[in-house]
Amino acid sequence: MSKLLRQMNEDRAMRDTAQTLFKADLEHLKSEMRSRGIGDRIADRVGETTADMLEDAADIASENKGILGALGVALALWFGRIPILVGLGLAETKQGSDEGEQEALPTETDEFDGADHDD
């Protein structure tokens, strides 16, 4: 047998082996597609992505504790602004129609009527 014929037979054997492996992988993929619906696969993918995003957020938060602390204080002051202004005497409260709803009103000394008082 010549060298070229032997090489051709080896190449055919390698091709046939690769084709057999490919067909086995394809059948495995088809069976998995039949057993798990697309909804399950999407849910798994979204869950993995969400977990990765939360891990990244935790890493960033641990690197920026000062900024997060300042943000927390700013939010607390914003949501507590009405009781703080009332406590300092800079505003009065008017109870709203809903339970616990308060509206800050300026005191009489803080009101501005828009007129020019340069007399």
N, C-alpha and C. Protein backbone atom coordinates (compact mmCIF):
# COMPACT_ATOMS: atom_id res chain seq x y z
N MET A 1 0.85 -1.16 0.00
CA MET A 1 0.00 0.00 0.00
C MET A 1 0.90 1.23 0.00
N SER A 2 0.54 2.17 -0.81
CA SER A 2 1.38 3.35 -0.92
C SER A 2 1.16 4.27 0.28
N LYS A 3 2.08 5.18 0.44
CA LYS A 3 2.03 6.12 1.56
C LYS A 3 0.79 7.01 1.46
N LEU A 4 0.42 7.47 0.30
CA LEU A 4 -0.76 8.32 0.12
C LEU A 4 -2.05 7.57 0.43
N LEU A 5 -2.12 6.32 0.02
CA LEU A 5 -3.32 5.52 0.30
C LEU A 5 -3.47 5.29 1.80
N ARG A 6 -2.36 5.02 2.47
CA ARG A 6 -2.40 4.82 3.92
C ARG A 6 -2.83 6.11 4.62
N GLN A 7 -2.31 7.26 4.19
CA GLN A 7 -2.69 8.55 4.77
C GLN A 7 -4.17 8.82 4.55
N MET A 8 -4.67 8.48 3.36
CA MET A 8 -6.09 8.67 3.07
C MET A 8 -6.95 7.81 3.98
N ASN A 9 -6.56 6.57 4.22
CA ASN A 9 -7.33 5.69 5.10
C ASN A 9 -7.31 6.20 6.55
N GLU A 10 -6.17 6.73 7.00
CA GLU A 10 -6.09 7.30 8.35
C GLU A 10 -6.98 8.53 8.46
N ASP A 11 -6.95 9.37 7.44
CA ASP A 11 -7.79 10.57 7.44
C ASP A 11 -9.27 10.21 7.43
N ARG A 12 -9.65 9.19 6.68
CA ARG A 12 -11.05 8.73 6.68
C ARG A 12 -11.46 8.23 8.06
N ALA A 13 -10.59 7.49 8.69
CA ALA A 13 -10.90 6.97 10.02
C ALA A 13 -11.08 8.12 11.02
N MET A 14 -10.19 9.12 10.92
CA MET A 14 -10.30 10.28 11.80
C MET A 14 -11.59 11.05 11.51
N ARG A 15 -11.95 11.22 10.25
CA ARG A 15 -13.18 11.88 9.86
C ARG A 15 -14.39 11.14 10.40
N ASP A 16 -14.40 9.82 10.25
CA ASP A 16 -15.53 9.01 10.74
C ASP A 16 -15.66 9.11 12.25
N THR A 17 -14.53 9.12 12.96
CA THR A 17 -14.56 9.26 14.43
C THR A 17 -15.12 10.62 14.82
N ALA A 18 -14.66 11.67 14.15
CA ALA A 18 -15.16 13.02 14.43
C ALA A 18 -16.65 13.12 14.13
N GLN A 19 -17.08 12.50 13.04
CA GLN A 19 -18.50 12.53 12.68
C GLN A 19 -19.34 11.79 13.73
N THR A 20 -18.84 10.67 14.22
CA THR A 20 -19.55 9.92 15.25
C THR A 20 -19.68 10.74 16.54
N LEU A 21 -18.59 11.42 16.93
CA LEU A 21 -18.64 12.27 18.12
C LEU A 21 -19.61 13.43 17.93
N PHE A 22 -19.60 14.03 16.75
CA PHE A 22 -20.51 15.13 16.47
C PHE A 22 -21.96 14.68 16.56
N LYS A 23 -22.27 13.54 15.97
CA LYS A 23 -23.65 13.02 16.00
C LYS A 23 -24.08 12.70 17.43
N ALA A 24 -23.17 12.17 18.25
CA ALA A 24 -23.49 11.88 19.65
C ALA A 24 -23.77 13.17 20.41
N ASP A 25 -22.95 14.20 20.19
CA ASP A 25 -23.17 15.50 20.84
C ASP A 25 -24.50 16.11 20.40
N LEU A 26 -24.81 15.99 19.12
CA LEU A 26 -26.06 16.53 18.60
C LEU A 26 -27.26 15.82 19.22
N GLU A 27 -27.21 14.52 19.35
CA GLU A 27 -28.30 13.77 19.98
C GLU A 27 -28.45 14.15 21.45
N HIS A 28 -27.32 14.32 22.12
CA HIS A 28 -27.37 14.73 23.53
C HIS A 28 -28.03 16.10 23.66
N LEU A 29 -27.66 17.03 22.78
CA LEU A 29 -28.25 18.36 22.80
C LEU A 29 -29.75 18.31 22.52
N LYS A 30 -30.15 17.51 21.55
CA LYS A 30 -31.58 17.38 21.23
C LYS A 30 -32.36 16.82 22.40
N SER A 31 -31.80 15.80 23.06
CA SER A 31 -32.52 15.21 24.20
C SER A 31 -32.62 16.20 25.36
N GLU A 32 -31.61 17.00 25.56
CA GLU A 32 -31.67 18.00 26.62
C GLU A 32 -32.67 19.09 26.28
N MET A 33 -32.75 19.45 25.02
CA MET A 33 -33.72 20.46 24.59
C MET A 33 -35.14 19.96 24.80
N ARG A 34 -35.36 18.67 24.58
CA ARG A 34 -36.70 18.11 24.78
C ARG A 34 -37.03 18.03 26.27
N SER A 35 -36.05 17.73 27.12
CA SER A 35 -36.33 17.55 28.54
C SER A 35 -36.54 18.87 29.27
N ARG A 36 -35.81 19.91 28.90
CA ARG A 36 -35.94 21.22 29.54
C ARG A 36 -36.47 22.22 28.53
N GLY A 37 -37.54 22.90 28.91
CA GLY A 37 -38.11 23.89 28.00
C GLY A 37 -37.28 25.15 27.96
N ILE A 38 -37.64 26.00 27.03
CA ILE A 38 -36.89 27.24 26.87
C ILE A 38 -37.07 28.15 28.07
N GLY A 39 -38.24 28.10 28.70
CA GLY A 39 -38.47 28.92 29.89
C GLY A 39 -37.52 28.57 31.02
N ASP A 40 -37.28 27.29 31.23
CA ASP A 40 -36.35 26.86 32.27
C ASP A 40 -34.93 27.33 31.97
N ARG A 41 -34.54 27.24 30.72
CA ARG A 41 -33.19 27.67 30.36
C ARG A 41 -33.03 29.18 30.51
N ILE A 42 -34.08 29.94 30.13
CA ILE A 42 -34.02 31.40 30.30
C ILE A 42 -33.96 31.75 31.77
N ALA A 43 -34.76 31.07 32.60
CA ALA A 43 -34.75 31.34 34.04
C ALA A 43 -33.38 31.05 34.64
N ASP A 44 -32.75 29.97 34.22
CA ASP A 44 -31.41 29.66 34.71
C ASP A 44 -30.42 30.73 34.30
N ARG A 45 -30.51 31.15 33.07
CA ARG A 45 -29.57 32.17 32.56
C ARG A 45 -29.76 33.49 33.29
N VAL A 46 -31.02 33.89 33.49
CA VAL A 46 -31.30 35.15 34.20
C VAL A 46 -30.81 35.04 35.64
N GLY A 47 -31.04 33.91 36.27
CA GLY A 47 -30.57 33.72 37.64
C GLY A 47 -29.06 33.83 37.76
N GLU A 48 -28.35 33.23 36.82
CA GLU A 48 -26.88 33.31 36.84
C GLU A 48 -26.42 34.74 36.61
N THR A 49 -27.05 35.44 35.67
CA THR A 49 -26.68 36.82 35.38
C THR A 49 -26.95 37.71 36.58
N THR A 50 -28.09 37.51 37.23
CA THR A 50 -28.43 38.30 38.40
C THR A 50 -27.43 38.07 39.53
N ALA A 51 -27.07 36.83 39.74
CA ALA A 51 -26.09 36.52 40.78
C ALA A 51 -24.75 37.18 40.49
N ASP A 52 -24.33 37.18 39.23
CA ASP A 52 -23.08 37.85 38.86
C ASP A 52 -23.16 39.35 39.10
N MET A 53 -24.30 39.95 38.74
CA MET A 53 -24.46 41.39 38.94
C MET A 53 -24.45 41.75 40.42
N LEU A 54 -25.10 40.95 41.26
CA LEU A 54 -25.10 41.22 42.69
C LEU A 54 -23.71 41.08 43.28
N GLU A 55 -22.96 40.12 42.80
CA GLU A 55 -21.58 39.94 43.27
C GLU A 55 -20.73 41.15 42.88
N ASP A 56 -20.89 41.64 41.65
CA ASP A 56 -20.16 42.83 41.22
C ASP A 56 -20.56 44.05 42.04
N ALA A 57 -21.86 44.19 42.31
CA ALA A 57 -22.34 45.33 43.10
C ALA A 57 -21.76 45.27 44.51
N ALA A 58 -21.69 44.09 45.10
CA ALA A 58 -21.12 43.95 46.44
C ALA A 58 -19.64 44.32 46.44
N ASP A 59 -18.92 43.94 45.39
CA ASP A 59 -17.50 44.31 45.29
C ASP A 59 -17.34 45.82 45.18
N ILE A 60 -18.15 46.45 44.36
CA ILE A 60 -18.06 47.90 44.18
C ILE A 60 -18.45 48.61 45.48
N ALA A 61 -19.47 48.11 46.16
CA ALA A 61 -19.90 48.72 47.41
C ALA A 61 -18.81 48.63 48.47
N SER A 62 -18.11 47.50 48.52
CA SER A 62 -17.06 47.36 49.53
C SER A 62 -15.88 48.28 49.23
N GLU A 63 -15.68 48.65 47.97
CA GLU A 63 -14.60 49.56 47.61
C GLU A 63 -14.99 51.02 47.82
N ASN A 64 -16.28 51.34 47.91
CA ASN A 64 -16.76 52.72 48.01
C ASN A 64 -17.65 52.92 49.23
N LYS A 65 -17.20 52.51 50.40
CA LYS A 65 -18.03 52.61 51.61
C LYS A 65 -18.34 54.05 51.99
N GLY A 66 -17.40 54.95 51.80
CA GLY A 66 -17.62 56.36 52.16
C GLY A 66 -18.72 56.99 51.33
N ILE A 67 -18.70 56.73 50.04
CA ILE A 67 -19.72 57.29 49.15
C ILE A 67 -21.09 56.72 49.50
N LEU A 68 -21.15 55.44 49.78
CA LEU A 68 -22.43 54.83 50.15
C LEU A 68 -22.94 55.36 51.48
N GLY A 69 -22.04 55.61 52.41
CA GLY A 69 -22.43 56.20 53.70
C GLY A 69 -23.01 57.59 53.50
N ALA A 70 -22.35 58.41 52.68
CA ALA A 70 -22.84 59.75 52.40
C ALA A 70 -24.20 59.71 51.71
N LEU A 71 -24.36 58.76 50.80
CA LEU A 71 -25.65 58.60 50.12
C LEU A 71 -26.74 58.22 51.11
N GLY A 72 -26.41 57.33 52.04
CA GLY A 72 -27.38 56.93 53.06
C GLY A 72 -27.81 58.10 53.94
N VAL A 73 -26.84 58.92 54.34
CA VAL A 73 -27.16 60.10 55.16
C VAL A 73 -28.01 61.08 54.37
N ALA A 74 -27.66 61.29 53.10
CA ALA A 74 -28.44 62.20 52.27
C ALA A 74 -29.88 61.73 52.11
N LEU A 75 -30.07 60.43 51.90
CA LEU A 75 -31.43 59.89 51.80
C LEU A 75 -32.19 60.03 53.11
N ALA A 76 -31.53 59.77 54.22
CA ALA A 76 -32.19 59.91 55.52
C ALA A 76 -32.62 61.35 55.76
N LEU A 77 -31.74 62.29 55.42
CA LEU A 77 -32.11 63.70 55.58
C LEU A 77 -33.25 64.10 54.65
N TRP A 78 -33.24 63.58 53.44
CA TRP A 78 -34.30 63.91 52.49
C TRP A 78 -35.66 63.40 52.99
N PHE A 79 -35.70 62.14 53.42
CA PHE A 79 -36.98 61.60 53.87
C PHE A 79 -37.40 62.17 55.22
N GLY A 80 -36.46 62.67 56.00
CA GLY A 80 -36.80 63.26 57.29
C GLY A 80 -36.82 64.77 57.26
N ARG A 81 -36.86 65.38 56.09
CA ARG A 81 -36.77 66.82 55.98
C ARG A 81 -37.93 67.55 56.63
N ILE A 82 -39.13 67.04 56.54
CA ILE A 82 -40.29 67.73 57.11
C ILE A 82 -40.20 67.77 58.63
N PRO A 83 -39.99 66.63 59.31
CA PRO A 83 -39.85 66.73 60.77
C PRO A 83 -38.64 67.57 61.19
N ILE A 84 -37.57 67.55 60.43
CA ILE A 84 -36.40 68.35 60.78
C ILE A 84 -36.71 69.83 60.65
N LEU A 85 -37.35 70.24 59.55
CA LEU A 85 -37.71 71.64 59.37
C LEU A 85 -38.69 72.12 60.44
N VAL A 86 -39.65 71.28 60.79
CA VAL A 86 -40.61 71.63 61.84
C VAL A 86 -39.90 71.75 63.17
N GLY A 87 -38.99 70.82 63.46
CA GLY A 87 -38.25 70.85 64.72
C GLY A 87 -37.38 72.09 64.85
N LEU A 88 -36.85 72.58 63.75
CA LEU A 88 -36.03 73.78 63.77
C LEU A 88 -36.87 75.05 63.73
N GLY A 89 -38.17 74.91 63.59
CA GLY A 89 -39.06 76.06 63.54
C GLY A 89 -39.06 76.77 62.19
N LEU A 90 -38.57 76.13 61.18
CA LEU A 90 -38.52 76.73 59.85
C LEU A 90 -39.76 76.43 59.03
N ALA A 91 -40.62 75.57 59.52
CA ALA A 91 -41.84 75.22 58.79
C ALA A 91 -42.89 74.75 59.78
N GLU A 92 -44.14 74.82 59.36
CA GLU A 92 -45.24 74.29 60.14
C GLU A 92 -45.77 73.09 59.39
N THR A 93 -46.49 72.23 60.08
CA THR A 93 -47.05 71.07 59.39
C THR A 93 -48.53 71.24 59.20
N LYS A 94 -49.01 70.71 58.13
CA LYS A 94 -50.43 70.65 57.83
C LYS A 94 -50.72 69.18 57.57
N GLN A 95 -51.59 68.58 58.35
CA GLN A 95 -51.92 67.18 58.19
C GLN A 95 -52.69 67.00 56.88
N GLY A 96 -52.26 66.02 56.09
CA GLY A 96 -52.94 65.72 54.83
C GLY A 96 -54.15 64.85 55.08
N SER A 97 -54.86 64.55 54.01
CA SER A 97 -56.07 63.74 54.13
C SER A 97 -55.73 62.27 54.36
N ASP A 98 -54.56 61.82 53.90
CA ASP A 98 -54.17 60.44 54.11
C ASP A 98 -53.52 60.28 55.47
N GLU A 99 -53.51 59.04 55.95
CA GLU A 99 -52.91 58.77 57.25
C GLU A 99 -51.43 59.06 57.23
N GLY A 100 -50.96 59.85 58.20
CA GLY A 100 -49.54 60.08 58.35
C GLY A 100 -48.92 60.99 57.32
N GLU A 101 -49.70 61.51 56.40
CA GLU A 101 -49.15 62.39 55.37
C GLU A 101 -49.02 63.79 55.94
N GLN A 102 -47.83 64.36 55.82
CA GLN A 102 -47.60 65.71 56.30
C GLN A 102 -47.06 66.55 55.16
N GLU A 103 -47.38 67.83 55.23
CA GLU A 103 -46.88 68.75 54.22
C GLU A 103 -46.21 69.89 54.95
N ALA A 104 -45.01 70.22 54.57
CA ALA A 104 -44.29 71.32 55.21
C ALA A 104 -44.74 72.64 54.59
N LEU A 105 -45.12 73.56 55.46
CA LEU A 105 -45.53 74.89 55.02
C LEU A 105 -44.52 75.88 55.56
N PRO A 106 -44.14 76.88 54.79
CA PRO A 106 -43.20 77.88 55.32
C PRO A 106 -43.86 78.68 56.43
N THR A 107 -43.06 79.13 57.39
CA THR A 107 -43.59 79.98 58.46
C THR A 107 -43.86 81.36 57.88
N GLU A 108 -44.57 82.20 58.65
CA GLU A 108 -44.94 83.52 58.16
C GLU A 108 -43.71 84.37 57.84
N THR A 109 -42.66 84.20 58.60
CA THR A 109 -41.46 85.02 58.37
C THR A 109 -40.71 84.57 57.12
N ASP A 110 -40.96 83.33 56.66
CA ASP A 110 -40.25 82.81 55.50
C ASP A 110 -41.00 83.02 54.19
N GLU A 111 -42.23 83.52 54.28
CA GLU A 111 -43.03 83.65 53.06
C GLU A 111 -42.48 84.78 52.19
N PHE A 112 -42.58 84.62 50.90
CA PHE A 112 -42.12 85.61 49.94
C PHE A 112 -43.25 85.86 48.99
N ASP A 113 -43.68 87.12 48.91
CA ASP A 113 -44.83 87.43 48.04
C ASP A 113 -44.42 87.88 46.66
N GLY A 114 -43.15 88.03 46.40
CA GLY A 114 -42.69 88.39 45.07
C GLY A 114 -42.60 89.89 44.86
N ALA A 115 -43.08 90.69 45.79
CA ALA A 115 -43.04 92.15 45.64
C ALA A 115 -41.65 92.66 46.02
N ASP A 116 -41.28 93.76 45.41
CA ASP A 116 -39.98 94.39 45.72
C ASP A 116 -40.18 95.33 46.89
N HIS A 117 -39.51 95.09 48.01
CA HIS A 117 -39.68 95.87 49.24
C HIS A 117 -38.45 96.75 49.48
N ASP A 118 -38.15 97.66 48.55
CA ASP A 118 -36.97 98.53 48.69
C ASP A 118 -37.37 99.92 49.21
N ASP A 119 -38.56 100.11 49.83
CA ASP A 119 -38.96 101.45 50.26
C ASP A 119 -38.18 101.91 51.41
